[in-house]
PDB file of N, CA and C in Angstrom:
ATOM      1  N   UNK A   1     -33.368  29.190   0.654  1.00  0.00           N
ATOM      2  CA  UNK A   1     -32.583  28.640   1.776  1.00  0.00           C
ATOM      3  C   UNK A   1     -32.357  29.543   2.842  1.00  0.00           C
ATOM      4  N   UNK A   2     -32.786  29.311   4.137  1.00  0.00           N
ATOM      5  CA  UNK A   2     -32.447  30.287   5.170  1.00  0.00           C
ATOM      6  C   UNK A   2     -31.092  29.963   5.982  1.00  0.00           C
ATOM      7  N   UNK A   3     -30.854  31.016   6.762  1.00  0.00           N
ATOM      8  CA  UNK A   3     -29.478  30.980   7.415  1.00  0.00           C
ATOM      9  C   UNK A   3     -29.559  29.617   8.654  1.00  0.00           C
ATOM     10  N   UNK A   4     -30.673  29.325   9.106  1.00  0.00           N
ATOM     11  CA  UNK A   4     -30.612  28.107   9.843  1.00  0.00           C
ATOM     12  C   UNK A   4     -30.238  26.949   9.063  1.00  0.00           C
ATOM     13  N   UNK A   5     -30.552  26.835   7.613  1.00  0.00           N
ATOM     14  CA  UNK A   5     -30.183  25.632   7.142  1.00  0.00           C
ATOM     15  C   UNK A   5     -28.907  25.471   6.810  1.00  0.00           C
ATOM     16  N   UNK A   6     -28.294  26.608   6.546  1.00  0.00           N
ATOM     17  CA  UNK A   6     -26.670  26.751   6.324  1.00  0.00           C
ATOM     18  C   UNK A   6     -25.933  26.437   7.590  1.00  0.00           C
ATOM     19  N   UNK A   7     -26.403  26.498   8.743  1.00  0.00           N
ATOM     20  CA  UNK A   7     -25.767  26.473   9.763  1.00  0.00           C
ATOM     21  C   UNK A   7     -25.566  24.899  10.121  1.00  0.00           C
ATOM     22  N   UNK A   8     -24.196  24.685  10.597  1.00  0.00           N
ATOM     23  CA  UNK A   8     -23.689  23.398  10.868  1.00  0.00           C
ATOM     24  C   UNK A   8     -23.931  23.018  12.327  1.00  0.00           C
ATOM     25  N   UNK A   9     -23.430  22.038  12.773  1.00  0.00           N
ATOM     26  CA  UNK A   9     -23.896  21.671  14.345  1.00  0.00           C
ATOM     27  C   UNK A   9     -23.226  22.679  15.337  1.00  0.00           C
ATOM     28  N   UNK A  10     -22.130  23.172  14.928  1.00  0.00           N
ATOM     29  CA  UNK A  10     -21.410  24.333  15.803  1.00  0.00           C
ATOM     30  C   UNK A  10     -22.319  25.444  15.787  1.00  0.00           C
ATOM     31  N   UNK A  11     -22.790  25.731  14.922  1.00  0.00           N
ATOM     32  CA  UNK A  11     -23.759  26.729  14.739  1.00  0.00           C
ATOM     33  C   UNK A  11     -22.964  27.846  13.946  1.00  0.00           C
ATOM     34  N   UNK A  12     -21.815  27.568  13.150  1.00  0.00           N
ATOM     35  CA  UNK A  12     -21.215  28.537  12.297  1.00  0.00           C
ATOM     36  C   UNK A  12     -21.814  28.249  11.115  1.00  0.00           C
ATOM     37  N   UNK A  13     -21.805  29.543  10.172  1.00  0.00           N
ATOM     38  CA  UNK A  13     -22.200  29.038   9.076  1.00  0.00           C
ATOM     39  C   UNK A  13     -21.166  28.756   7.829  1.00  0.00           C
ATOM     40  N   UNK A  14     -21.731  27.775   7.019  1.00  0.00           N
ATOM     41  CA  UNK A  14     -20.681  27.176   6.298  1.00  0.00           C
ATOM     42  C   UNK A  14     -20.527  27.992   4.895  1.00  0.00           C
ATOM     43  N   UNK A  15     -19.551  28.342   4.800  1.00  0.00           N
ATOM     44  CA  UNK A  15     -19.269  28.959   3.310  1.00  0.00           C
ATOM     45  C   UNK A  15     -18.800  28.008   2.359  1.00  0.00           C
ATOM     46  N   UNK A  16     -18.797  28.326   1.031  1.00  0.00           N
ATOM     47  CA  UNK A  16     -18.588  27.678  -0.221  1.00  0.00           C
ATOM     48  C   UNK A  16     -17.001  26.896   0.085  1.00  0.00           C
ATOM     49  N   UNK A  17     -16.011  28.236   0.481  1.00  0.00           N
ATOM     50  CA  UNK A  17     -14.631  27.942   0.733  1.00  0.00           C
ATOM     51  C   UNK A  17     -14.592  26.760   1.686  1.00  0.00           C
ATOM     52  N   UNK A  18     -15.345  26.529   3.067  1.00  0.00           N
ATOM     53  CA  UNK A  18     -15.490  25.481   3.518  1.00  0.00           C
ATOM     54  C   UNK A  18     -15.721  24.283   3.180  1.00  0.00           C
ATOM     55  N   UNK A  19     -16.514  24.259   2.283  1.00  0.00           N
ATOM     56  CA  UNK A  19     -16.977  22.890   1.529  1.00  0.00           C
ATOM     57  C   UNK A  19     -15.789  22.719   0.838  1.00  0.00           C
ATOM     58  N   UNK A  20     -14.978  23.408  -0.150  1.00  0.00           N
ATOM     59  CA  UNK A  20     -14.195  23.200  -1.006  1.00  0.00           C
ATOM     60  C   UNK A  20     -13.066  22.770  -0.599  1.00  0.00           C
ATOM     61  N   UNK A  21     -12.583  23.344   0.789  1.00  0.00           N
ATOM     62  CA  UNK A  21     -11.271  22.999   1.749  1.00  0.00           C
ATOM     63  C   UNK A  21     -11.624  21.478   2.070  1.00  0.00           C
ATOM     64  N   UNK A  22     -12.949  21.297   2.823  1.00  0.00           N
ATOM     65  CA  UNK A  22     -13.229  19.850   3.372  1.00  0.00           C
ATOM     66  C   UNK A  22     -12.884  18.619   2.205  1.00  0.00           C
ATOM     67  N   UNK A  23     -13.662  19.152   0.853  1.00  0.00           N
ATOM     68  CA  UNK A  23     -13.330  18.068  -0.170  1.00  0.00           C
ATOM     69  C   UNK A  23     -12.022  17.760  -0.411  1.00  0.00           C
ATOM     70  N   UNK A  24     -11.193  18.907  -0.579  1.00  0.00           N
ATOM     71  CA  UNK A  24      -9.954  18.987  -1.030  1.00  0.00           C
ATOM     72  C   UNK A  24      -9.042  18.132   0.184  1.00  0.00           C
ATOM     73  N   UNK A  25      -9.341  18.313   1.338  1.00  0.00           N
ATOM     74  CA  UNK A  25      -8.638  17.733   2.651  1.00  0.00           C
ATOM     75  C   UNK A  25      -9.088  16.055   2.538  1.00  0.00           C
ATOM     76  N   UNK A  26     -10.376  16.057   2.217  1.00  0.00           N
ATOM     77  CA  UNK A  26     -10.866  14.472   1.962  1.00  0.00           C
ATOM     78  C   UNK A  26      -9.852  13.737   1.025  1.00  0.00           C
ATOM     79  N   UNK A  27      -9.892  14.516  -0.214  1.00  0.00           N
ATOM     80  CA  UNK A  27      -9.425  14.036  -1.316  1.00  0.00           C
ATOM     81  C   UNK A  27      -7.821  13.615  -0.899  1.00  0.00           C
ATOM     82  N   UNK A  28      -7.225  14.606  -0.453  1.00  0.00           N
ATOM     83  CA  UNK A  28      -5.737  14.395  -0.184  1.00  0.00           C
ATOM     84  C   UNK A  28      -5.427  13.189   1.036  1.00  0.00           C
ATOM     85  N   UNK A  29      -6.427  13.218   1.815  1.00  0.00           N
ATOM     86  CA  UNK A  29      -6.252  12.035   2.904  1.00  0.00           C
ATOM     87  C   UNK A  29      -6.439  10.733   2.224  1.00  0.00           C
ATOM     88  N   UNK A  30      -7.461  10.833   1.421  1.00  0.00           N
ATOM     89  CA  UNK A  30      -7.612   9.346   0.733  1.00  0.00           C
ATOM     90  C   UNK A  30      -6.383   9.019  -0.317  1.00  0.00           C
ATOM     91  N   UNK A  31      -5.758   9.698  -0.770  1.00  0.00           N
ATOM     92  CA  UNK A  31      -4.784   9.792  -1.767  1.00  0.00           C
ATOM     93  C   UNK A  31      -3.348   9.287  -0.728  1.00  0.00           C
ATOM     94  N   UNK A  32      -3.427   9.730   0.294  1.00  0.00           N
ATOM     95  CA  UNK A  32      -2.232   9.301   1.533  1.00  0.00           C
ATOM     96  C   UNK A  32      -2.506   7.724   1.628  1.00  0.00           C
ATOM     97  N   UNK A  33      -3.883   7.505   1.988  1.00  0.00           N
ATOM     98  CA  UNK A  33      -4.136   6.265   2.482  1.00  0.00           C
ATOM     99  C   UNK A  33      -3.750   5.209   1.436  1.00  0.00           C
ATOM    100  N   UNK A  34      -4.147   5.293   0.045  1.00  0.00           N
ATOM    101  CA  UNK A  34      -3.975   4.517  -1.066  1.00  0.00           C
ATOM    102  C   UNK A  34      -2.750   4.635  -1.048  1.00  0.00           C
ATOM    103  N   UNK A  35      -1.495   5.401  -0.759  1.00  0.00           N
ATOM    104  CA  UNK A  35      -0.347   5.087  -1.107  1.00  0.00           C
ATOM    105  C   UNK A  35       0.038   4.317   0.169  1.00  0.00           C
ATOM    106  N   UNK A  36      -0.050   4.406   1.429  1.00  0.00           N
ATOM    107  CA  UNK A  36       0.420   3.632   2.451  1.00  0.00           C
ATOM    108  C   UNK A  36      -0.075   2.337   2.197  1.00  0.00           C
ATOM    109  N   UNK A  37      -1.323   1.913   1.721  1.00  0.00           N
ATOM    110  CA  UNK A  37      -1.812   0.703   1.380  1.00  0.00           C
ATOM    111  C   UNK A  37      -0.970   0.121   0.301  1.00  0.00           C
ATOM    112  N   UNK A  38      -0.729   0.709  -0.809  1.00  0.00           N
ATOM    113  CA  UNK A  38      -0.005   0.208  -1.669  1.00  0.00           C
ATOM    114  C   UNK A  38       1.412  -0.157  -1.448  1.00  0.00           C
ATOM    115  N   UNK A  39       2.075   0.615  -0.271  1.00  0.00           N
ATOM    116  CA  UNK A  39       3.475   0.498   0.332  1.00  0.00           C
ATOM    117  C   UNK A  39       3.281  -0.736   1.090  1.00  0.00           C
ATOM    118  N   UNK A  40       2.335  -0.848   1.808  1.00  0.00           N
ATOM    119  CA  UNK A  40       2.323  -2.297   2.732  1.00  0.00           C
ATOM    120  C   UNK A  40       2.028  -3.434   1.915  1.00  0.00           C
ATOM    121  N   UNK A  41       1.322  -3.317   0.768  1.00  0.00           N
ATOM    122  CA  UNK A  41       1.252  -4.300  -0.408  1.00  0.00           C
ATOM    123  C   UNK A  41       2.624  -4.784  -0.756  1.00  0.00           C
ATOM    124  N   UNK A  42       3.412  -3.751  -1.381  1.00  0.00           N
ATOM    125  CA  UNK A  42       4.539  -4.066  -1.525  1.00  0.00           C
ATOM    126  C   UNK A  42       5.529  -4.486  -0.947  1.00  0.00           C
ATOM    127  N   UNK A  43       5.512  -3.720   0.346  1.00  0.00           N
ATOM    128  CA  UNK A  43       6.372  -4.764   1.389  1.00  0.00           C
ATOM    129  C   UNK A  43       5.906  -6.066   1.939  1.00  0.00           C
ATOM    130  N   UNK A  44       4.801  -6.267   1.512  1.00  0.00           N
ATOM    131  CA  UNK A  44       4.274  -7.837   2.124  1.00  0.00           C
ATOM    132  C   UNK A  44       4.954  -8.938   0.980  1.00  0.00           C
ATOM    133  N   UNK A  45       4.914  -8.487  -0.414  1.00  0.00           N
ATOM    134  CA  UNK A  45       5.343  -9.338  -1.653  1.00  0.00           C
ATOM    135  C   UNK A  45       6.833  -9.051  -1.462  1.00  0.00           C
ATOM    136  N   UNK A  46       7.406  -8.308  -1.289  1.00  0.00           N
ATOM    137  CA  UNK A  46       8.862  -8.126  -0.990  1.00  0.00           C
ATOM    138  C   UNK A  46       9.417  -9.061   0.117  1.00  0.00           C
ATOM    139  N   UNK A  47       8.699  -9.301   1.189  1.00  0.00           N
ATOM    140  CA  UNK A  47       8.839 -10.209   2.230  1.00  0.00           C
ATOM    141  C   UNK A  47       8.551 -11.544   1.923  1.00  0.00           C
ATOM    142  N   UNK A  48       7.521 -11.707   1.118  1.00  0.00           N
ATOM    143  CA  UNK A  48       7.280 -13.115   0.535  1.00  0.00           C
ATOM    144  C   UNK A  48       8.307 -13.779  -0.304  1.00  0.00           C
ATOM    145  N   UNK A  49       8.774 -12.731  -1.253  1.00  0.00           N
ATOM    146  CA  UNK A  49      10.042 -13.383  -2.100  1.00  0.00           C
ATOM    147  C   UNK A  49      11.009 -13.381  -1.203  1.00  0.00           C
ATOM    148  N   UNK A  50      11.516 -12.951  -0.264  1.00  0.00           N
ATOM    149  CA  UNK A  50      12.907 -13.118   0.333  1.00  0.00           C
ATOM    150  C   UNK A  50      12.565 -14.320   1.213  1.00  0.00           C
ATOM    151  N   UNK A  51      11.526 -14.472   1.896  1.00  0.00           N
ATOM    152  CA  UNK A  51      11.350 -15.945   2.756  1.00  0.00           C
ATOM    153  C   UNK A  51      11.098 -17.044   1.495  1.00  0.00           C
ATOM    154  N   UNK A  52      10.501 -17.049   0.411  1.00  0.00           N
ATOM    155  CA  UNK A  52      10.333 -18.090  -0.522  1.00  0.00           C
ATOM    156  C   UNK A  52      11.808 -18.206  -1.274  1.00  0.00           C
ATOM    157  N   UNK A  53      12.458 -16.991  -1.323  1.00  0.00           N
ATOM    158  CA  UNK A  53      14.087 -17.476  -1.751  1.00  0.00           C
ATOM    159  C   UNK A  53      14.702 -18.114  -0.644  1.00  0.00           C
ATOM    160  N   UNK A  54      14.755 -17.779   0.329  1.00  0.00           N
ATOM    161  CA  UNK A  54      15.461 -18.508   1.483  1.00  0.00           C
ATOM    162  C   UNK A  54      14.914 -19.772   1.456  1.00  0.00           C
ATOM    163  N   UNK A  55      14.033 -20.220   1.515  1.00  0.00           N
ATOM    164  CA  UNK A  55      13.262 -21.540   1.361  1.00  0.00           C
ATOM    165  C   UNK A  55      13.485 -22.556   0.397  1.00  0.00           C
ATOM    166  N   UNK A  56      13.798 -21.746  -1.007  1.00  0.00           N
ATOM    167  CA  UNK A  56      14.103 -22.325  -2.197  1.00  0.00           C
ATOM    168  C   UNK A  56      15.568 -22.573  -2.052  1.00  0.00           C
ATOM    169  N   UNK A  57      16.533 -22.152  -1.433  1.00  0.00           N
ATOM    170  CA  UNK A  57      17.968 -22.319  -1.464  1.00  0.00           C
ATOM    171  C   UNK A  57      18.205 -23.156  -0.561  1.00  0.00           C
ATOM    172  N   UNK A  58      17.404 -23.241   0.750  1.00  0.00           N
ATOM    173  CA  UNK A  58      17.527 -23.998   1.830  1.00  0.00           C
ATOM    174  C   UNK A  58      17.473 -25.670   1.183  1.00  0.00           C
ATOM    175  N   UNK A  59      16.328 -25.818   0.675  1.00  0.00           N
ATOM    176  CA  UNK A  59      15.921 -26.967  -0.070  1.00  0.00           C
ATOM    177  C   UNK A  59      16.740 -27.422  -1.386  1.00  0.00           C
ATOM    178  N   UNK A  60      16.843 -26.625  -2.150  1.00  0.00           N
ATOM    179  CA  UNK A  60      17.502 -26.924  -3.530  1.00  0.00           C
ATOM    180  C   UNK A  60      19.034 -26.256  -3.557  1.00  0.00           C
ATOM    181  N   UNK A  61      19.227 -25.522  -2.628  1.00  0.00           N
ATOM    182  CA  UNK A  61      20.925 -25.130  -2.662  1.00  0.00           C
ATOM    183  C   UNK A  61      22.140 -26.005  -2.886  1.00  0.00           C
ATOM    184  N   UNK A  62      21.998 -27.068  -2.340  1.00  0.00           N
ATOM    185  CA  UNK A  62      22.824 -28.446  -2.643  1.00  0.00           C
ATOM    186  C   UNK A  62      22.972 -28.741  -4.115  1.00  0.00           C
ATOM    187  N   UNK A  63      21.832 -28.705  -4.665  1.00  0.00           N
ATOM    188  CA  UNK A  63      21.825 -29.302  -6.034  1.00  0.00           C
ATOM    189  C   UNK A  63      21.958 -28.435  -6.913  1.00  0.00           C
ATOM    190  N   UNK A  64      21.885 -27.141  -6.811  1.00  0.00           N
ATOM    191  CA  UNK A  64      22.652 -25.673  -7.579  1.00  0.00           C
ATOM    192  C   UNK A  64      23.898 -25.588  -7.452  1.00  0.00           C
ATOM    193  N   UNK A  65      24.466 -25.767  -6.175  1.00  0.00           N
ATOM    194  CA  UNK A  65      25.849 -25.561  -6.385  1.00  0.00           C
ATOM    195  C   UNK A  65      26.695 -26.758  -6.738  1.00  0.00           C
ATOM    196  N   UNK A  66      26.043 -27.895  -6.791  1.00  0.00           N
ATOM    197  CA  UNK A  66      26.631 -29.098  -7.309  1.00  0.00           C
ATOM    198  C   UNK A  66      26.537 -29.348  -8.654  1.00  0.00           C
ATOM    199  N   UNK A  67      27.111 -28.200  -9.463  1.00  0.00           N
ATOM    200  CA  UNK A  67      26.856 -28.270 -11.127  1.00  0.00           C
ATOM    201  C   UNK A  67      27.681 -29.311 -11.805  1.00  0.00           C
ATOM    202  N   UNK A  68      28.775 -29.648 -11.155  1.00  0.00           N
ATOM    203  CA  UNK A  68      29.914 -30.374 -11.760  1.00  0.00           C
ATOM    204  C   UNK A  68      29.386 -31.844 -11.831  1.00  0.00           C
ATOM    205  N   UNK A  69      28.195 -32.265 -11.082  1.00  0.00           N
ATOM    206  CA  UNK A  69      27.684 -33.196 -11.633  1.00  0.00           C
ATOM    207  C   UNK A  69      26.509 -33.619 -12.762  1.00  0.00           C
ATOM    208  N   UNK A  70      26.259 -32.286 -13.327  1.00  0.00           N
ATOM    209  CA  UNK A  70      25.203 -32.275 -14.365  1.00  0.00           C
ATOM    210  C   UNK A  70      25.772 -32.937 -15.489  1.00  0.00           C
ATOM    211  N   UNK A  71      27.005 -32.787 -15.931  1.00  0.00           N
ATOM    212  CA  UNK A  71      27.595 -33.233 -17.355  1.00  0.00           C
ATOM    213  C   UNK A  71      27.750 -34.936 -17.085  1.00  0.00           C
ATOM    214  N   UNK A  72      27.803 -35.518 -16.002  1.00  0.00           N
ATOM    215  CA  UNK A  72      27.706 -36.920 -16.179  1.00  0.00           C
ATOM    216  C   UNK A  72      26.494 -37.574 -16.453  1.00  0.00           C
ATOM    217  N   UNK A  73      25.142 -36.888 -16.385  1.00  0.00           N
ATOM    218  CA  UNK A  73      23.891 -37.385 -16.887  1.00  0.00           C
ATOM    219  C   UNK A  73      23.927 -37.092 -18.406  1.00  0.00           C
ATOM    220  N   UNK A  74      24.663 -36.330 -19.000  1.00  0.00           N
ATOM    221  CA  UNK A  74      24.351 -36.317 -20.609  1.00  0.00           C
ATOM    222  C   UNK A  74      25.042 -37.058 -21.272  1.00  0.00           C
TER     223      UNK A  74
END
């Protein structure tokens, strides 16, 4: 392999360290993206649970708070 094949677009020779650093940087950036996606997914589920809870208590809240009527059916 000659020097021309080792040069990148800018005309600077790539060394092994450059390649390793780029690989590490890509790996680190991918981990950050995965964490961001995971946090967004958790945030979505938390929001869904809160909205679902509000809907449930707005529909069934009266029946839950009216516990004194339950023994009459027994």
